[in-house]
PDB file of N, CA and C in Angstrom:
ATOM      1  N   UNK A   1      51.187   2.970 -27.419  1.00  0.00           N
ATOM      2  CA  UNK A   1      51.641   3.933 -26.436  1.00  0.00           C
ATOM      3  C   UNK A   1      50.421   4.501 -25.721  1.00  0.00           C
ATOM      4  N   UNK A   2      50.612   4.907 -24.501  1.00  0.00           N
ATOM      5  CA  UNK A   2      49.505   5.421 -23.707  1.00  0.00           C
ATOM      6  C   UNK A   2      49.494   6.946 -23.723  1.00  0.00           C
ATOM      7  N   UNK A   3      48.286   7.504 -23.893  1.00  0.00           N
ATOM      8  CA  UNK A   3      48.072   8.940 -23.765  1.00  0.00           C
ATOM      9  C   UNK A   3      46.874   9.154 -22.850  1.00  0.00           C
ATOM     10  N   UNK A   4      46.923  10.261 -22.144  1.00  0.00           N
ATOM     11  CA  UNK A   4      45.835  10.612 -21.237  1.00  0.00           C
ATOM     12  C   UNK A   4      44.967  11.662 -21.917  1.00  0.00           C
ATOM     13  N   UNK A   5      43.646  11.475 -21.850  1.00  0.00           N
ATOM     14  CA  UNK A   5      42.694  12.404 -22.448  1.00  0.00           C
ATOM     15  C   UNK A   5      41.753  12.868 -21.347  1.00  0.00           C
ATOM     16  N   UNK A   6      41.547  14.189 -21.250  1.00  0.00           N
ATOM     17  CA  UNK A   6      40.659  14.746 -20.238  1.00  0.00           C
ATOM     18  C   UNK A   6      39.577  15.596 -20.902  1.00  0.00           C
ATOM     19  N   UNK A   7      38.399  15.625 -20.257  1.00  0.00           N
ATOM     20  CA  UNK A   7      37.264  16.413 -20.740  1.00  0.00           C
ATOM     21  C   UNK A   7      36.759  17.288 -19.597  1.00  0.00           C
ATOM     22  N   UNK A   8      36.566  18.592 -19.865  1.00  0.00           N
ATOM     23  CA  UNK A   8      36.033  19.499 -18.854  1.00  0.00           C
ATOM     24  C   UNK A   8      35.020  20.438 -19.489  1.00  0.00           C
ATOM     25  N   UNK A   9      34.400  21.248 -18.646  1.00  0.00           N
ATOM     26  CA  UNK A   9      33.453  22.246 -19.128  1.00  0.00           C
ATOM     27  C   UNK A   9      32.174  21.657 -19.676  1.00  0.00           C
ATOM     28  N   UNK A  10      31.822  20.457 -19.239  1.00  0.00           N
ATOM     29  CA  UNK A  10      30.605  19.804 -19.701  1.00  0.00           C
ATOM     30  C   UNK A  10      30.828  18.787 -20.801  1.00  0.00           C
ATOM     31  N   UNK A  11      32.006  18.757 -21.398  1.00  0.00           N
ATOM     32  CA  UNK A  11      32.272  17.800 -22.478  1.00  0.00           C
ATOM     33  C   UNK A  11      32.240  16.356 -22.000  1.00  0.00           C
ATOM     34  N   UNK A  12      32.496  16.148 -20.712  1.00  0.00           N
ATOM     35  CA  UNK A  12      32.467  14.785 -20.186  1.00  0.00           C
ATOM     36  C   UNK A  12      31.103  14.130 -20.401  1.00  0.00           C
ATOM     37  N   UNK A  13      30.044  14.941 -20.491  1.00  0.00           N
ATOM     38  CA  UNK A  13      28.700  14.382 -20.715  1.00  0.00           C
ATOM     39  C   UNK A  13      28.576  13.723 -22.087  1.00  0.00           C
ATOM     40  N   UNK A  14      29.460  14.064 -23.015  1.00  0.00           N
ATOM     41  CA  UNK A  14      29.453  13.443 -24.340  1.00  0.00           C
ATOM     42  C   UNK A  14      30.184  12.106 -24.345  1.00  0.00           C
ATOM     43  N   UNK A  15      30.866  11.809 -23.240  1.00  0.00           N
ATOM     44  CA  UNK A  15      31.694  10.606 -23.137  1.00  0.00           C
ATOM     45  C   UNK A  15      31.316   9.795 -21.892  1.00  0.00           C
ATOM     46  N   UNK A  16      30.010   9.545 -21.736  1.00  0.00           N
ATOM     47  CA  UNK A  16      29.507   8.752 -20.600  1.00  0.00           C
ATOM     48  C   UNK A  16      29.973   9.292 -19.258  1.00  0.00           C
ATOM     49  N   UNK A  17      30.025  10.608 -19.137  1.00  0.00           N
ATOM     50  CA  UNK A  17      30.430  11.283 -17.898  1.00  0.00           C
ATOM     51  C   UNK A  17      31.831  10.903 -17.426  1.00  0.00           C
ATOM     52  N   UNK A  18      32.667  10.491 -18.350  1.00  0.00           N
ATOM     53  CA  UNK A  18      34.065  10.197 -18.021  1.00  0.00           C
ATOM     54  C   UNK A  18      34.879  11.480 -18.170  1.00  0.00           C
ATOM     55  N   UNK A  19      35.528  11.879 -17.104  1.00  0.00           N
ATOM     56  CA  UNK A  19      36.348  13.085 -17.147  1.00  0.00           C
ATOM     57  C   UNK A  19      37.758  12.796 -17.644  1.00  0.00           C
ATOM     58  N   UNK A  20      38.144  11.526 -17.594  1.00  0.00           N
ATOM     59  CA  UNK A  20      39.511  11.167 -17.960  1.00  0.00           C
ATOM     60  C   UNK A  20      39.549   9.766 -18.562  1.00  0.00           C
ATOM     61  N   UNK A  21      40.335   9.620 -19.617  1.00  0.00           N
ATOM     62  CA  UNK A  21      40.571   8.322 -20.249  1.00  0.00           C
ATOM     63  C   UNK A  21      42.073   8.145 -20.433  1.00  0.00           C
ATOM     64  N   UNK A  22      42.548   6.938 -20.270  1.00  0.00           N
ATOM     65  CA  UNK A  22      43.914   6.603 -20.652  1.00  0.00           C
ATOM     66  C   UNK A  22      43.801   5.625 -21.810  1.00  0.00           C
ATOM     67  N   UNK A  23      44.282   6.052 -22.972  1.00  0.00           N
ATOM     68  CA  UNK A  23      44.119   5.263 -24.188  1.00  0.00           C
ATOM     69  C   UNK A  23      45.457   4.702 -24.650  1.00  0.00           C
ATOM     70  N   UNK A  24      45.401   3.514 -25.180  1.00  0.00           N
ATOM     71  CA  UNK A  24      46.574   2.879 -25.779  1.00  0.00           C
ATOM     72  C   UNK A  24      46.402   2.999 -27.292  1.00  0.00           C
ATOM     73  N   UNK A  25      47.193   3.867 -27.908  1.00  0.00           N
ATOM     74  CA  UNK A  25      47.062   4.104 -29.346  1.00  0.00           C
ATOM     75  C   UNK A  25      48.389   3.798 -30.040  1.00  0.00           C
ATOM     76  N   UNK A  26      48.320   3.647 -31.341  1.00  0.00           N
ATOM     77  CA  UNK A  26      49.501   3.267 -32.125  1.00  0.00           C
ATOM     78  C   UNK A  26      50.549   4.378 -32.137  1.00  0.00           C
ATOM     79  N   UNK A  27      51.806   3.974 -32.105  1.00  0.00           N
ATOM     80  CA  UNK A  27      52.910   4.932 -32.251  1.00  0.00           C
ATOM     81  C   UNK A  27      52.744   5.651 -33.588  1.00  0.00           C
ATOM     82  N   UNK A  28      53.057   6.934 -33.602  1.00  0.00           N
ATOM     83  CA  UNK A  28      52.931   7.719 -34.821  1.00  0.00           C
ATOM     84  C   UNK A  28      51.545   8.294 -35.045  1.00  0.00           C
ATOM     85  N   UNK A  29      50.613   8.023 -34.127  1.00  0.00           N
ATOM     86  CA  UNK A  29      49.256   8.561 -34.258  1.00  0.00           C
ATOM     87  C   UNK A  29      49.272  10.072 -34.070  1.00  0.00           C
ATOM     88  N   UNK A  30      48.381  10.716 -34.786  1.00  0.00           N
ATOM     89  CA  UNK A  30      48.220  12.162 -34.680  1.00  0.00           C
ATOM     90  C   UNK A  30      46.939  12.463 -33.911  1.00  0.00           C
ATOM     91  N   UNK A  31      46.757  13.731 -33.584  1.00  0.00           N
ATOM     92  CA  UNK A  31      45.523  14.134 -32.906  1.00  0.00           C
ATOM     93  C   UNK A  31      44.319  13.748 -33.756  1.00  0.00           C
ATOM     94  N   UNK A  32      44.420  13.860 -35.072  1.00  0.00           N
ATOM     95  CA  UNK A  32      43.305  13.478 -35.947  1.00  0.00           C
ATOM     96  C   UNK A  32      42.945  12.007 -35.760  1.00  0.00           C
ATOM     97  N   UNK A  33      43.939  11.148 -35.540  1.00  0.00           N
ATOM     98  CA  UNK A  33      43.679   9.729 -35.271  1.00  0.00           C
ATOM     99  C   UNK A  33      42.998   9.559 -33.917  1.00  0.00           C
ATOM    100  N   UNK A  34      43.449  10.328 -32.940  1.00  0.00           N
ATOM    101  CA  UNK A  34      42.833  10.285 -31.615  1.00  0.00           C
ATOM    102  C   UNK A  34      41.366  10.688 -31.691  1.00  0.00           C
ATOM    103  N   UNK A  35      41.063  11.717 -32.478  1.00  0.00           N
ATOM    104  CA  UNK A  35      39.674  12.158 -32.632  1.00  0.00           C
ATOM    105  C   UNK A  35      38.803  11.040 -33.203  1.00  0.00           C
ATOM    106  N   UNK A  36      39.333  10.289 -34.157  1.00  0.00           N
ATOM    107  CA  UNK A  36      38.582   9.157 -34.722  1.00  0.00           C
ATOM    108  C   UNK A  36      38.322   8.078 -33.677  1.00  0.00           C
ATOM    109  N   UNK A  37      39.322   7.780 -32.861  1.00  0.00           N
ATOM    110  CA  UNK A  37      39.148   6.785 -31.798  1.00  0.00           C
ATOM    111  C   UNK A  37      38.086   7.260 -30.815  1.00  0.00           C
ATOM    112  N   UNK A  38      38.161   8.528 -30.417  1.00  0.00           N
ATOM    113  CA  UNK A  38      37.165   9.061 -29.487  1.00  0.00           C
ATOM    114  C   UNK A  38      35.769   8.993 -30.088  1.00  0.00           C
ATOM    115  N   UNK A  39      35.642   9.389 -31.343  1.00  0.00           N
ATOM    116  CA  UNK A  39      34.344   9.378 -32.022  1.00  0.00           C
ATOM    117  C   UNK A  39      33.793   7.961 -32.147  1.00  0.00           C
ATOM    118  N   UNK A  40      34.608   7.031 -32.591  1.00  0.00           N
ATOM    119  CA  UNK A  40      34.129   5.680 -32.890  1.00  0.00           C
ATOM    120  C   UNK A  40      33.961   4.785 -31.673  1.00  0.00           C
ATOM    121  N   UNK A  41      34.719   5.034 -30.608  1.00  0.00           N
ATOM    122  CA  UNK A  41      34.710   4.106 -29.482  1.00  0.00           C
ATOM    123  C   UNK A  41      34.171   4.667 -28.171  1.00  0.00           C
ATOM    124  N   UNK A  42      34.142   5.992 -28.020  1.00  0.00           N
ATOM    125  CA  UNK A  42      33.802   6.545 -26.710  1.00  0.00           C
ATOM    126  C   UNK A  42      32.668   7.559 -26.714  1.00  0.00           C
ATOM    127  N   UNK A  43      32.419   8.217 -27.822  1.00  0.00           N
ATOM    128  CA  UNK A  43      31.477   9.324 -27.868  1.00  0.00           C
ATOM    129  C   UNK A  43      30.033   8.877 -27.995  1.00  0.00           C
ATOM    130  N   UNK A  44      29.145   9.639 -27.370  1.00  0.00           N
ATOM    131  CA  UNK A  44      27.707   9.460 -27.532  1.00  0.00           C
ATOM    132  C   UNK A  44      27.377   9.835 -28.981  1.00  0.00           C
ATOM    133  N   UNK A  45      27.009   8.851 -29.780  1.00  0.00           N
ATOM    134  CA  UNK A  45      26.810   9.050 -31.230  1.00  0.00           C
ATOM    135  C   UNK A  45      25.731  10.089 -31.553  1.00  0.00           C
ATOM    136  N   UNK A  46      24.743  10.229 -30.673  1.00  0.00           N
ATOM    137  CA  UNK A  46      23.657  11.173 -30.927  1.00  0.00           C
ATOM    138  C   UNK A  46      24.070  12.622 -30.685  1.00  0.00           C
ATOM    139  N   UNK A  47      25.248  12.829 -30.110  1.00  0.00           N
ATOM    140  CA  UNK A  47      25.669  14.191 -29.764  1.00  0.00           C
ATOM    141  C   UNK A  47      27.025  14.557 -30.368  1.00  0.00           C
ATOM    142  N   UNK A  48      27.410  13.814 -31.377  1.00  0.00           N
ATOM    143  CA  UNK A  48      28.715  14.016 -32.010  1.00  0.00           C
ATOM    144  C   UNK A  48      28.933  15.454 -32.468  1.00  0.00           C
ATOM    145  N   UNK A  49      27.878  16.098 -32.981  1.00  0.00           N
ATOM    146  CA  UNK A  49      28.009  17.453 -33.521  1.00  0.00           C
ATOM    147  C   UNK A  49      28.365  18.479 -32.450  1.00  0.00           C
ATOM    148  N   UNK A  50      28.221  18.120 -31.179  1.00  0.00           N
ATOM    149  CA  UNK A  50      28.598  19.031 -30.102  1.00  0.00           C
ATOM    150  C   UNK A  50      30.107  19.021 -29.841  1.00  0.00           C
ATOM    151  N   UNK A  51      30.800  18.041 -30.422  1.00  0.00           N
ATOM    152  CA  UNK A  51      32.245  17.914 -30.226  1.00  0.00           C
ATOM    153  C   UNK A  51      33.022  18.097 -31.531  1.00  0.00           C
ATOM    154  N   UNK A  52      32.501  17.537 -32.613  1.00  0.00           N
ATOM    155  CA  UNK A  52      33.205  17.575 -33.896  1.00  0.00           C
ATOM    156  C   UNK A  52      32.395  18.299 -34.961  1.00  0.00           C
ATOM    157  N   UNK A  53      33.111  18.992 -35.829  1.00  0.00           N
ATOM    158  CA  UNK A  53      32.517  19.636 -36.998  1.00  0.00           C
ATOM    159  C   UNK A  53      33.424  19.311 -38.172  1.00  0.00           C
ATOM    160  N   UNK A  54      32.899  18.572 -39.136  1.00  0.00           N
ATOM    161  CA  UNK A  54      33.690  18.123 -40.289  1.00  0.00           C
ATOM    162  C   UNK A  54      34.932  17.335 -39.860  1.00  0.00           C
ATOM    163  N   UNK A  55      34.776  16.535 -38.809  1.00  0.00           N
ATOM    164  CA  UNK A  55      35.854  15.667 -38.352  1.00  0.00           C
ATOM    165  C   UNK A  55      36.910  16.329 -37.485  1.00  0.00           C
ATOM    166  N   UNK A  56      36.763  17.622 -37.254  1.00  0.00           N
ATOM    167  CA  UNK A  56      37.718  18.382 -36.440  1.00  0.00           C
ATOM    168  C   UNK A  56      36.971  18.940 -35.227  1.00  0.00           C
ATOM    169  N   UNK A  57      37.698  19.190 -34.154  1.00  0.00           N
ATOM    170  CA  UNK A  57      37.089  19.758 -32.956  1.00  0.00           C
ATOM    171  C   UNK A  57      36.407  21.069 -33.324  1.00  0.00           C
ATOM    172  N   UNK A  58      35.160  21.194 -32.910  1.00  0.00           N
ATOM    173  CA  UNK A  58      34.376  22.366 -33.301  1.00  0.00           C
ATOM    174  C   UNK A  58      34.843  23.627 -32.565  1.00  0.00           C
ATOM    175  N   UNK A  59      34.560  24.794 -33.136  1.00  0.00           N
ATOM    176  CA  UNK A  59      34.903  26.051 -32.459  1.00  0.00           C
ATOM    177  C   UNK A  59      34.237  26.101 -31.082  1.00  0.00           C
ATOM    178  N   UNK A  60      34.916  26.714 -30.131  1.00  0.00           N
ATOM    179  CA  UNK A  60      34.389  26.797 -28.771  1.00  0.00           C
ATOM    180  C   UNK A  60      34.940  25.724 -27.855  1.00  0.00           C
ATOM    181  N   UNK A  61      35.774  24.835 -28.411  1.00  0.00           N
ATOM    182  CA  UNK A  61      36.426  23.813 -27.594  1.00  0.00           C
ATOM    183  C   UNK A  61      37.928  24.077 -27.627  1.00  0.00           C
ATOM    184  N   UNK A  62      38.470  24.325 -26.450  1.00  0.00           N
ATOM    185  CA  UNK A  62      39.902  24.547 -26.296  1.00  0.00           C
ATOM    186  C   UNK A  62      40.590  23.194 -26.196  1.00  0.00           C
ATOM    187  N   UNK A  63      41.664  23.024 -26.943  1.00  0.00           N
ATOM    188  CA  UNK A  63      42.439  21.781 -26.896  1.00  0.00           C
ATOM    189  C   UNK A  63      43.846  22.127 -26.421  1.00  0.00           C
ATOM    190  N   UNK A  64      44.245  21.486 -25.334  1.00  0.00           N
ATOM    191  CA  UNK A  64      45.588  21.672 -24.799  1.00  0.00           C
ATOM    192  C   UNK A  64      46.348  20.359 -24.883  1.00  0.00           C
ATOM    193  N   UNK A  65      47.562  20.433 -25.372  1.00  0.00           N
ATOM    194  CA  UNK A  65      48.451  19.274 -25.430  1.00  0.00           C
ATOM    195  C   UNK A  65      49.590  19.559 -24.460  1.00  0.00           C
ATOM    196  N   UNK A  66      49.635  18.796 -23.386  1.00  0.00           N
ATOM    197  CA  UNK A  66      50.647  19.026 -22.344  1.00  0.00           C
ATOM    198  C   UNK A  66      50.641  20.484 -21.892  1.00  0.00           C
ATOM    199  N   UNK A  67      49.431  21.014 -21.668  1.00  0.00           N
ATOM    200  CA  UNK A  67      49.187  22.376 -21.175  1.00  0.00           C
ATOM    201  C   UNK A  67      49.507  23.479 -22.180  1.00  0.00           C
ATOM    202  N   UNK A  68      49.757  23.148 -23.437  1.00  0.00           N
ATOM    203  CA  UNK A  68      50.001  24.152 -24.477  1.00  0.00           C
ATOM    204  C   UNK A  68      48.865  24.100 -25.498  1.00  0.00           C
ATOM    205  N   UNK A  69      48.446  25.276 -25.963  1.00  0.00           N
ATOM    206  CA  UNK A  69      47.380  25.355 -26.958  1.00  0.00           C
ATOM    207  C   UNK A  69      47.770  24.545 -28.191  1.00  0.00           C
ATOM    208  N   UNK A  70      46.843  23.721 -28.671  1.00  0.00           N
ATOM    209  CA  UNK A  70      47.158  22.849 -29.807  1.00  0.00           C
ATOM    210  C   UNK A  70      47.488  23.641 -31.060  1.00  0.00           C
ATOM    211  N   UNK A  71      47.055  24.905 -31.139  1.00  0.00           N
ATOM    212  CA  UNK A  71      47.386  25.734 -32.295  1.00  0.00           C
ATOM    213  C   UNK A  71      48.899  25.955 -32.391  1.00  0.00           C
ATOM    214  N   UNK A  72      49.579  25.917 -31.249  1.00  0.00           N
ATOM    215  CA  UNK A  72      51.034  26.071 -31.232  1.00  0.00           C
ATOM    216  C   UNK A  72      51.748  24.770 -31.572  1.00  0.00           C
ATOM    217  N   UNK A  73      51.013  23.669 -31.532  1.00  0.00           N
ATOM    218  CA  UNK A  73      51.601  22.340 -31.720  1.00  0.00           C
ATOM    219  C   UNK A  73      51.280  21.711 -33.081  1.00  0.00           C
ATOM    220  N   UNK A  74      50.472  22.405 -33.903  1.00  0.00           N
ATOM    221  CA  UNK A  74      50.135  21.867 -35.219  1.00  0.00           C
ATOM    222  C   UNK A  74      48.721  21.331 -35.323  1.00  0.00           C
ATOM    223  N   UNK A  75      47.898  21.634 -34.300  1.00  0.00           N
ATOM    224  CA  UNK A  75      46.495  21.218 -34.269  1.00  0.00           C
ATOM    225  C   UNK A  75      46.347  19.728 -34.532  1.00  0.00           C
ATOM    226  N   UNK A  76      45.450  19.337 -35.440  1.00  0.00           N
ATOM    227  CA  UNK A  76      45.157  17.911 -35.649  1.00  0.00           C
ATOM    228  C   UNK A  76      46.327  17.138 -36.253  1.00  0.00           C
ATOM    229  N   UNK A  77      47.354  17.851 -36.731  1.00  0.00           N
ATOM    230  CA  UNK A  77      48.522  17.189 -37.318  1.00  0.00           C
ATOM    231  C   UNK A  77      49.618  16.868 -36.301  1.00  0.00           C
ATOM    232  N   UNK A  78      49.417  17.271 -35.048  1.00  0.00           N
ATOM    233  CA  UNK A  78      50.412  16.993 -34.010  1.00  0.00           C
ATOM    234  C   UNK A  78      50.562  15.488 -33.826  1.00  0.00           C
ATOM    235  N   UNK A  79      51.800  14.996 -33.855  1.00  0.00           N
ATOM    236  CA  UNK A  79      52.063  13.575 -33.644  1.00  0.00           C
ATOM    237  C   UNK A  79      52.199  13.311 -32.148  1.00  0.00           C
ATOM    238  N   UNK A  80      51.304  12.496 -31.646  1.00  0.00           N
ATOM    239  CA  UNK A  80      51.284  12.181 -30.223  1.00  0.00           C
ATOM    240  C   UNK A  80      52.530  11.423 -29.793  1.00  0.00           C
ATOM    241  N   UNK A  81      52.925  11.662 -28.556  1.00  0.00           N
ATOM    242  CA  UNK A  81      54.074  10.993 -27.963  1.00  0.00           C
ATOM    243  C   UNK A  81      53.622  10.246 -26.715  1.00  0.00           C
ATOM    244  N   UNK A  82      54.368   9.228 -26.306  1.00  0.00           N
ATOM    245  CA  UNK A  82      53.990   8.489 -25.096  1.00  0.00           C
ATOM    246  C   UNK A  82      53.804   9.431 -23.902  1.00  0.00           C
ATOM    247  N   UNK A  83      52.745   9.179 -23.147  1.00  0.00           N
ATOM    248  CA  UNK A  83      52.408   9.921 -21.932  1.00  0.00           C
ATOM    249  C   UNK A  83      51.952  11.349 -22.191  1.00  0.00           C
ATOM    250  N   UNK A  84      51.616  11.700 -23.434  1.00  0.00           N
ATOM    251  CA  UNK A  84      51.032  13.014 -23.690  1.00  0.00           C
ATOM    252  C   UNK A  84      49.723  13.140 -22.925  1.00  0.00           C
ATOM    253  N   UNK A  85      49.402  14.381 -22.569  1.00  0.00           N
ATOM    254  CA  UNK A  85      48.134  14.691 -21.925  1.00  0.00           C
ATOM    255  C   UNK A  85      47.371  15.634 -22.853  1.00  0.00           C
ATOM    256  N   UNK A  86      46.177  15.220 -23.285  1.00  0.00           N
ATOM    257  CA  UNK A  86      45.359  16.025 -24.186  1.00  0.00           C
ATOM    258  C   UNK A  86      44.084  16.399 -23.445  1.00  0.00           C
ATOM    259  N   UNK A  87      43.858  17.691 -23.280  1.00  0.00           N
ATOM    260  CA  UNK A  87      42.695  18.204 -22.566  1.00  0.00           C
ATOM    261  C   UNK A  87      41.755  18.886 -23.545  1.00  0.00           C
ATOM    262  N   UNK A  88      40.481  18.521 -23.489  1.00  0.00           N
ATOM    263  CA  UNK A  88      39.433  19.167 -24.272  1.00  0.00           C
ATOM    264  C   UNK A  88      38.542  19.915 -23.285  1.00  0.00           C
ATOM    265  N   UNK A  89      38.418  21.235 -23.449  1.00  0.00           N
ATOM    266  CA  UNK A  89      37.624  22.049 -22.529  1.00  0.00           C
ATOM    267  C   UNK A  89      36.655  22.913 -23.317  1.00  0.00           C
ATOM    268  N   UNK A  90      35.378  22.823 -22.970  1.00  0.00           N
ATOM    269  CA  UNK A  90      34.386  23.676 -23.609  1.00  0.00           C
ATOM    270  C   UNK A  90      34.515  25.085 -23.050  1.00  0.00           C
ATOM    271  N   UNK A  91      34.537  26.065 -23.937  1.00  0.00           N
ATOM    272  CA  UNK A  91      34.581  27.460 -23.503  1.00  0.00           C
ATOM    273  C   UNK A  91      33.199  28.088 -23.583  1.00  0.00           C
ATOM    274  N   UNK A  92      32.201  27.306 -23.978  1.00  0.00           N
ATOM    275  CA  UNK A  92      30.831  27.795 -24.105  1.00  0.00           C
ATOM    276  C   UNK A  92      30.034  27.376 -22.881  1.00  0.00           C
ATOM    277  N   UNK A  93      29.503  28.357 -22.167  1.00  0.00           N
ATOM    278  CA  UNK A  93      28.747  28.069 -20.949  1.00  0.00           C
ATOM    279  C   UNK A  93      27.461  28.873 -20.953  1.00  0.00           C
ATOM    280  N   UNK A  94      26.461  28.330 -20.311  1.00  0.00           N
ATOM    281  CA  UNK A  94      25.189  29.036 -20.170  1.00  0.00           C
ATOM    282  C   UNK A  94      25.299  30.152 -19.145  1.00  0.00           C
ATOM    283  N   UNK A  95      24.333  31.051 -19.176  1.00  0.00           N
ATOM    284  CA  UNK A  95      24.383  32.202 -18.263  1.00  0.00           C
ATOM    285  C   UNK A  95      23.506  32.052 -17.077  1.00  0.00           C
TER     286      UNK A  95
END
């Protein structure tokens, strides 16, 4: 199934300056599975700690699933559905 993944707030620099990806992932995949795919196939390995902490999105990164905060959807346990849109936005900015 296809899901759309977006990066904003500077996070795109961790993914070869790609602001948007459309990924084909297995039915029944959860956000935690998506994070593994992003880490293993798309992320700049030298900067992984800027996106993940202990395998989960680090504090300071807002995650929206179809425009709703992932905390309302079950965080990394949310089961992705076809055509879901997952947005990762850094809330940490320089002054």
